[in-house]
Every structure is written in C-alpha cells, then in structure tokens.
C-alpha cells in the first residue's frame, strides 16, 4: 500500500513538473516570421515517351526488335547513350494484316532521357527516320535537384532569421533561439509536361514547316519555392 502511494506521488510530481516546464516555455515572449526563397533552374533532363508498333512492310512484319535495334543505332549516331533508352512495357493485339489473314502485332513503350535540349531536334528527326509510331515529351527535371532544394531551404530559413532580426531591432529587442521551425517546399515543373517553345511534343507535328525555325529551343524554367515558418524566442 505504501509503495502504491509512493508511486502515485512520483507520477503526480513528474506530471506537475512537465506542465510547469511547458507553461514556462509558452510564457516566454516570441516572434513568428516566415522566410521565403525562390530559385529558377533550366532543366537538364528531358524524358521522352516513345511507342514502337510492329507493322507490315511488303507482306513482311517489321518486328519490335528490328525497330528497337534501328532506333538505337540512329541514337548512337547523334550522341545519345544507349543506356538512356529504357523499355516500359510490351502489349500485343490481333489485327487484320491481309484480306484473309490476321496477325499479332506488338506495341512497346520506351522512355528516352535526353540531357541536352539542343539535341531535341535531332532526336525527333531520328524518330522520323526510324518510323517511330508515337512520341511525346513526358517530363523534365534537373540532375542536381536534391542539392538545389537544399540550398533553397537554407536561403529561406536565413531570410526568416533576417526578418526577425530587423523587426526586433526596430523595437530594441534581440532574437533568441528558434522555438519552432516548420517547412513547406514545392516546385513547379518537375514531373509534369512543361511549355516548350519551338519544339513539338508529338513526332508527327514536329516535322511541319515551323520545325525549320532556327530559334533556340527553350523550356519553361523549373521554379523551386521554399517557405520556412520560424518561431523565435525574444531575448
């Protein structure tokens, strides 16, 4: 019985001490600010979705393997590494290939990564030579995106500290330690299709008269925005 009473006393004391500590922290004067940093970057990774489809030529089937081999050779000629081409999936459909015959024609989907926007025109011209069934720009990104996000977050929290400094200086106070930090980072562009100037996403639309335009290829820049909320103690 005495042990039970002693244990209850210890628990009650601990709870009371914890509440006192929390109340002590809450009662301290503080300032709440939000720092913001923005960075625009030119994408250096362009991902193109490619579809190859088996077809009949002079009563013979041009297989996926033949088309893939030809595409790889053409890409190598313009300096695109073969390892940048990866296959996504293969499907097959039964289609009528003659008056009285049907055949199974396969369709294969690939993703091609291009690291230089200036090569895009050559890439789409290669698609035309290789008779690629369909292609479009799937997404763009940047090879150093993780480090760029990190740098932007640091800039945002520094902006929050700077804001708190000049606000408190104006009233004769000083910034203390941070009591709470909350971060919200988002980016515009990565992982989705972007506006493309002078480049046409679909291969069949790329080879019209406007494709002869010699203006440089320009992608909409990826915008990284970081906002950091900080609650600083006032000394």
Protein backbone atom coordinates (compact mmCIF):
# COMPACT_ATOMS: atom_id res chain seq x y z
CA UNK A 1 0.00 0.00 0.00
CA UNK A 2 2.84 2.37 0.94
CA UNK A 3 4.61 1.52 -2.35
CA UNK A 4 1.43 2.32 -4.32
CA UNK A 5 1.05 5.70 -2.56
CA UNK A 6 4.74 6.49 -3.17
CA UNK A 7 4.45 5.61 -6.91
CA UNK A 8 1.35 7.80 -7.25
CA UNK A 9 3.21 10.70 -5.62
CA UNK A 10 6.16 10.31 -8.02
CA UNK A 11 3.90 10.26 -11.10
CA UNK A 12 1.96 13.29 -9.89
CA UNK A 13 5.19 15.18 -9.26
CA UNK A 14 6.53 14.32 -12.73
CA UNK A 15 3.34 15.49 -14.43
CA UNK A 16 3.30 18.68 -12.44
CA UNK A 17 6.94 19.41 -13.31
CA UNK A 18 6.32 18.76 -17.01
CA UNK A 19 3.32 21.06 -17.07
CA UNK A 20 5.30 23.75 -15.27
CA UNK A 21 8.13 23.44 -17.84
CA UNK A 22 5.73 23.68 -20.79
CA UNK A 23 3.95 26.65 -19.31
CA UNK A 24 7.33 28.30 -18.69
CA UNK A 25 8.21 27.89 -22.39
CA UNK A 26 4.83 29.15 -23.57
CA UNK A 27 5.04 32.22 -21.36
CA UNK A 28 8.28 33.38 -22.97
CA UNK A 29 7.94 36.28 -25.43
CA UNK A 30 8.40 35.24 -29.05
CA UNK A 31 8.17 36.44 -32.63
CA UNK A 32 6.73 34.45 -35.56
CA UNK A 33 8.12 35.02 -39.07
CA UNK A 34 8.10 33.28 -42.44
CA UNK A 35 11.12 33.26 -44.73
CA UNK A 36 10.76 32.62 -48.46
CA UNK A 37 13.27 31.77 -51.18
CA UNK A 38 12.72 31.17 -54.88
CA UNK A 39 15.04 29.66 -57.46
CA UNK A 40 14.53 29.14 -61.19
CA UNK A 41 16.59 26.49 -62.95
CA UNK A 42 16.88 25.35 -66.54
CA UNK A 43 16.04 21.62 -66.81
CA UNK A 44 18.88 19.39 -67.99
CA UNK A 45 16.94 16.11 -68.05
CA UNK A 46 14.20 15.72 -70.67
CA UNK A 47 12.23 12.46 -70.65
CA UNK A 48 10.56 11.43 -73.91
CA UNK A 49 7.92 8.73 -74.13
CA UNK A 50 8.28 6.55 -77.26
CA UNK A 51 5.93 3.96 -78.71
CA UNK A 52 7.11 1.42 -81.28
CA UNK A 53 4.48 -0.62 -83.09
CA UNK A 54 5.01 -3.64 -85.30
CA UNK A 55 3.92 -3.04 -88.88
CA UNK A 56 3.68 -4.87 -92.17
CA UNK A 57 6.03 -3.88 -94.99
CA UNK A 58 5.83 -5.75 -98.31
CA UNK A 59 3.91 -8.55 -96.64
CA UNK A 60 6.60 -8.93 -94.00
CA UNK A 61 6.38 -8.00 -90.36
CA UNK A 62 8.79 -5.35 -89.08
CA UNK A 63 9.25 -6.54 -85.50
CA UNK A 64 9.76 -4.54 -82.32
CA UNK A 65 13.28 -5.98 -82.07
CA UNK A 66 14.16 -4.73 -85.55
CA UNK A 67 12.77 -1.27 -84.87
CA UNK A 68 14.47 -1.04 -81.48
CA UNK A 69 17.82 -2.05 -82.99
CA UNK A 70 17.47 0.56 -85.73
CA UNK A 71 16.46 3.25 -83.20
CA UNK A 72 19.49 2.52 -81.00
CA UNK A 73 21.82 2.82 -84.00
CA UNK A 74 20.29 6.14 -85.00
CA UNK A 75 20.50 7.49 -81.43
CA UNK A 76 24.16 6.48 -81.18
CA UNK A 77 24.90 8.47 -84.34
CA UNK A 78 23.63 11.71 -82.73
CA UNK A 79 25.44 11.04 -79.47
CA UNK A 80 22.62 9.77 -77.24
CA UNK A 81 23.88 6.96 -74.93
CA UNK A 82 22.03 3.69 -75.47
CA UNK A 83 21.60 3.28 -71.69
CA UNK A 84 19.37 6.37 -71.76
CA UNK A 85 16.72 4.28 -73.54
CA UNK A 86 14.66 2.01 -71.30
CA UNK A 87 11.63 -0.13 -72.07
CA UNK A 88 8.44 0.35 -70.06
CA UNK A 89 6.07 -2.37 -71.27
CA UNK A 90 5.05 -4.50 -74.25
CA UNK A 91 1.49 -5.21 -75.42
CA UNK A 92 0.09 -7.26 -78.27
CA UNK A 93 -3.09 -7.02 -80.33
CA UNK A 94 -4.56 -9.23 -83.07
CA UNK A 95 -5.08 -7.18 -86.23
CA UNK A 96 -6.08 -7.94 -89.79
CA UNK A 97 -2.95 -7.79 -91.94
CA UNK A 98 -4.37 -9.02 -95.22
CA UNK A 99 -7.63 -9.85 -96.98
CA UNK A 100 -7.94 -13.24 -95.32
CA UNK A 101 -5.31 -13.20 -92.57
CA UNK A 102 -4.81 -11.85 -89.10
CA UNK A 103 -1.59 -11.46 -87.18
CA UNK A 104 -0.44 -10.48 -83.69
CA UNK A 105 1.21 -7.08 -83.78
CA UNK A 106 3.12 -5.98 -80.68
CA UNK A 107 3.43 -2.49 -79.25
CA UNK A 108 6.31 -1.46 -76.98
CA UNK A 109 6.66 1.67 -74.87
CA UNK A 110 10.04 3.21 -74.05
CA UNK A 111 11.42 6.19 -72.16
CA UNK A 112 14.38 8.14 -73.52
CA UNK A 113 16.35 10.57 -71.37
CA UNK A 114 17.99 13.48 -73.17
CA UNK A 115 20.45 15.69 -71.27
CA UNK A 116 20.81 18.44 -73.83
CA UNK A 117 17.81 20.43 -75.08
CA UNK A 118 19.77 21.46 -78.18
CA UNK A 119 19.72 17.80 -79.32
CA UNK A 120 15.95 17.52 -79.27
CA UNK A 121 15.51 18.44 -82.91
CA UNK A 122 17.98 15.71 -83.93
CA UNK A 123 16.19 13.26 -81.63
CA UNK A 124 12.82 13.87 -83.27
CA UNK A 125 14.39 13.71 -86.73
CA UNK A 126 15.79 10.31 -85.70
CA UNK A 127 12.29 9.23 -84.70
CA UNK A 128 11.10 10.13 -88.20
CA UNK A 129 13.89 8.11 -89.85
CA UNK A 130 13.16 5.13 -87.62
CA UNK A 131 9.40 5.46 -88.22
CA UNK A 132 8.59 5.72 -84.53
CA UNK A 133 4.86 5.22 -84.10
CA UNK A 134 4.34 7.91 -81.46
CA UNK A 135 6.42 10.13 -79.15
CA UNK A 136 5.95 12.99 -76.74
CA UNK A 137 7.85 14.82 -74.02
CA UNK A 138 6.75 13.25 -70.76
CA UNK A 139 8.53 15.32 -68.12
CA UNK A 140 11.59 17.42 -67.37
CA UNK A 141 13.83 17.58 -64.32
CA UNK A 142 17.32 18.57 -63.17
CA UNK A 143 20.21 16.25 -62.36
CA UNK A 144 21.10 18.19 -59.19
CA UNK A 145 17.56 18.86 -57.97
CA UNK A 146 18.11 17.49 -54.43
CA UNK A 147 21.06 19.78 -53.74
CA UNK A 148 19.24 22.75 -55.29
CA UNK A 149 16.26 22.19 -52.99
CA UNK A 150 18.61 22.02 -50.00
CA UNK A 151 20.25 25.33 -50.94
CA UNK A 152 16.83 26.94 -51.35
CA UNK A 153 15.66 25.78 -47.92
CA UNK A 154 18.80 27.23 -46.32
CA UNK A 155 18.16 30.54 -48.09
CA UNK A 156 14.55 30.55 -46.81
CA UNK A 157 15.45 29.98 -43.16
CA UNK A 158 18.17 32.65 -43.39
CA UNK A 159 15.53 35.03 -44.76
CA UNK A 160 13.32 34.22 -41.75
CA UNK A 161 16.17 34.97 -39.34
CA UNK A 162 16.99 38.23 -41.14
CA UNK A 163 13.35 39.32 -40.98
CA UNK A 164 13.13 38.59 -37.26
CA UNK A 165 16.39 40.49 -36.66
CA UNK A 166 15.33 43.74 -38.29
CA UNK A 167 11.82 43.65 -36.86
CA UNK A 168 13.04 43.19 -33.29
CA UNK A 169 15.87 45.69 -33.74
CA UNK A 170 13.22 48.27 -34.60
CA UNK A 171 11.72 47.85 -31.12
CA UNK A 172 15.00 47.47 -29.26
CA UNK A 173 14.89 43.68 -28.82
CA UNK A 174 17.08 40.77 -29.90
CA UNK A 175 16.35 37.40 -31.48
CA UNK A 176 16.84 34.33 -29.31
CA UNK A 177 16.87 30.64 -30.12
CA UNK A 178 14.29 29.15 -32.51
CA UNK A 179 11.39 27.55 -30.64
CA UNK A 180 9.62 26.04 -33.65
CA UNK A 181 10.56 25.52 -37.31
CA UNK A 182 8.08 24.45 -39.98
CA UNK A 183 8.95 23.99 -43.64
CA UNK A 184 6.89 23.93 -46.82
CA UNK A 185 8.69 23.41 -50.12
CA UNK A 186 7.15 22.95 -53.54
CA UNK A 187 8.34 23.12 -57.11
CA UNK A 188 6.73 23.94 -60.42
CA UNK A 189 7.65 21.81 -63.37
CA UNK A 190 9.34 18.61 -62.25
CA UNK A 191 7.42 15.50 -63.11
CA UNK A 192 4.95 17.10 -65.49
CA UNK A 193 4.85 18.38 -69.07
CA UNK A 194 6.10 21.94 -69.49
CA UNK A 195 5.52 24.54 -72.13
CA UNK A 196 8.03 24.03 -74.91
CA UNK A 197 8.96 26.75 -77.38
CA UNK A 198 9.93 25.77 -80.94
CA UNK A 199 9.74 22.05 -80.11
CA UNK A 200 6.67 19.93 -80.77
CA UNK A 201 5.94 17.15 -78.35
CA UNK A 202 4.35 14.83 -80.91
CA UNK A 203 6.66 13.49 -83.57
CA UNK A 204 4.09 13.86 -86.35
CA UNK A 205 3.69 17.56 -85.52
CA UNK A 206 7.39 18.22 -85.26
CA UNK A 207 8.18 17.88 -88.92
CA UNK A 208 5.99 20.63 -90.35
CA UNK A 209 7.26 23.89 -91.80
CA UNK A 210 7.62 25.50 -88.40
CA UNK A 211 10.12 22.82 -87.40
CA UNK A 212 12.60 24.59 -89.68
CA UNK A 213 12.66 27.54 -87.29
CA UNK A 214 16.28 28.08 -86.24
CA UNK A 215 15.40 29.81 -82.95
CA UNK A 216 16.95 28.12 -79.90
CA UNK A 217 14.96 25.53 -78.00
CA UNK A 218 13.71 26.98 -74.73
CA UNK A 219 11.97 25.19 -71.88
CA UNK A 220 9.93 26.84 -69.19
CA UNK A 221 12.22 27.02 -66.17
CA UNK A 222 11.60 24.87 -63.11
CA UNK A 223 10.72 27.08 -60.16
CA UNK A 224 11.58 25.90 -56.65
CA UNK A 225 9.86 27.79 -53.84
CA UNK A 226 10.68 27.20 -50.17
CA UNK A 227 8.86 28.79 -47.26
CA UNK A 228 10.07 28.34 -43.68
CA UNK A 229 7.98 29.35 -40.67
CA UNK A 230 10.08 30.01 -37.56
CA UNK A 231 9.04 30.94 -34.05
CA UNK A 232 11.95 32.72 -32.36
CA UNK A 233 12.31 33.43 -28.67
CA UNK A 234 12.83 37.10 -27.80
CA UNK A 235 15.82 37.58 -25.51
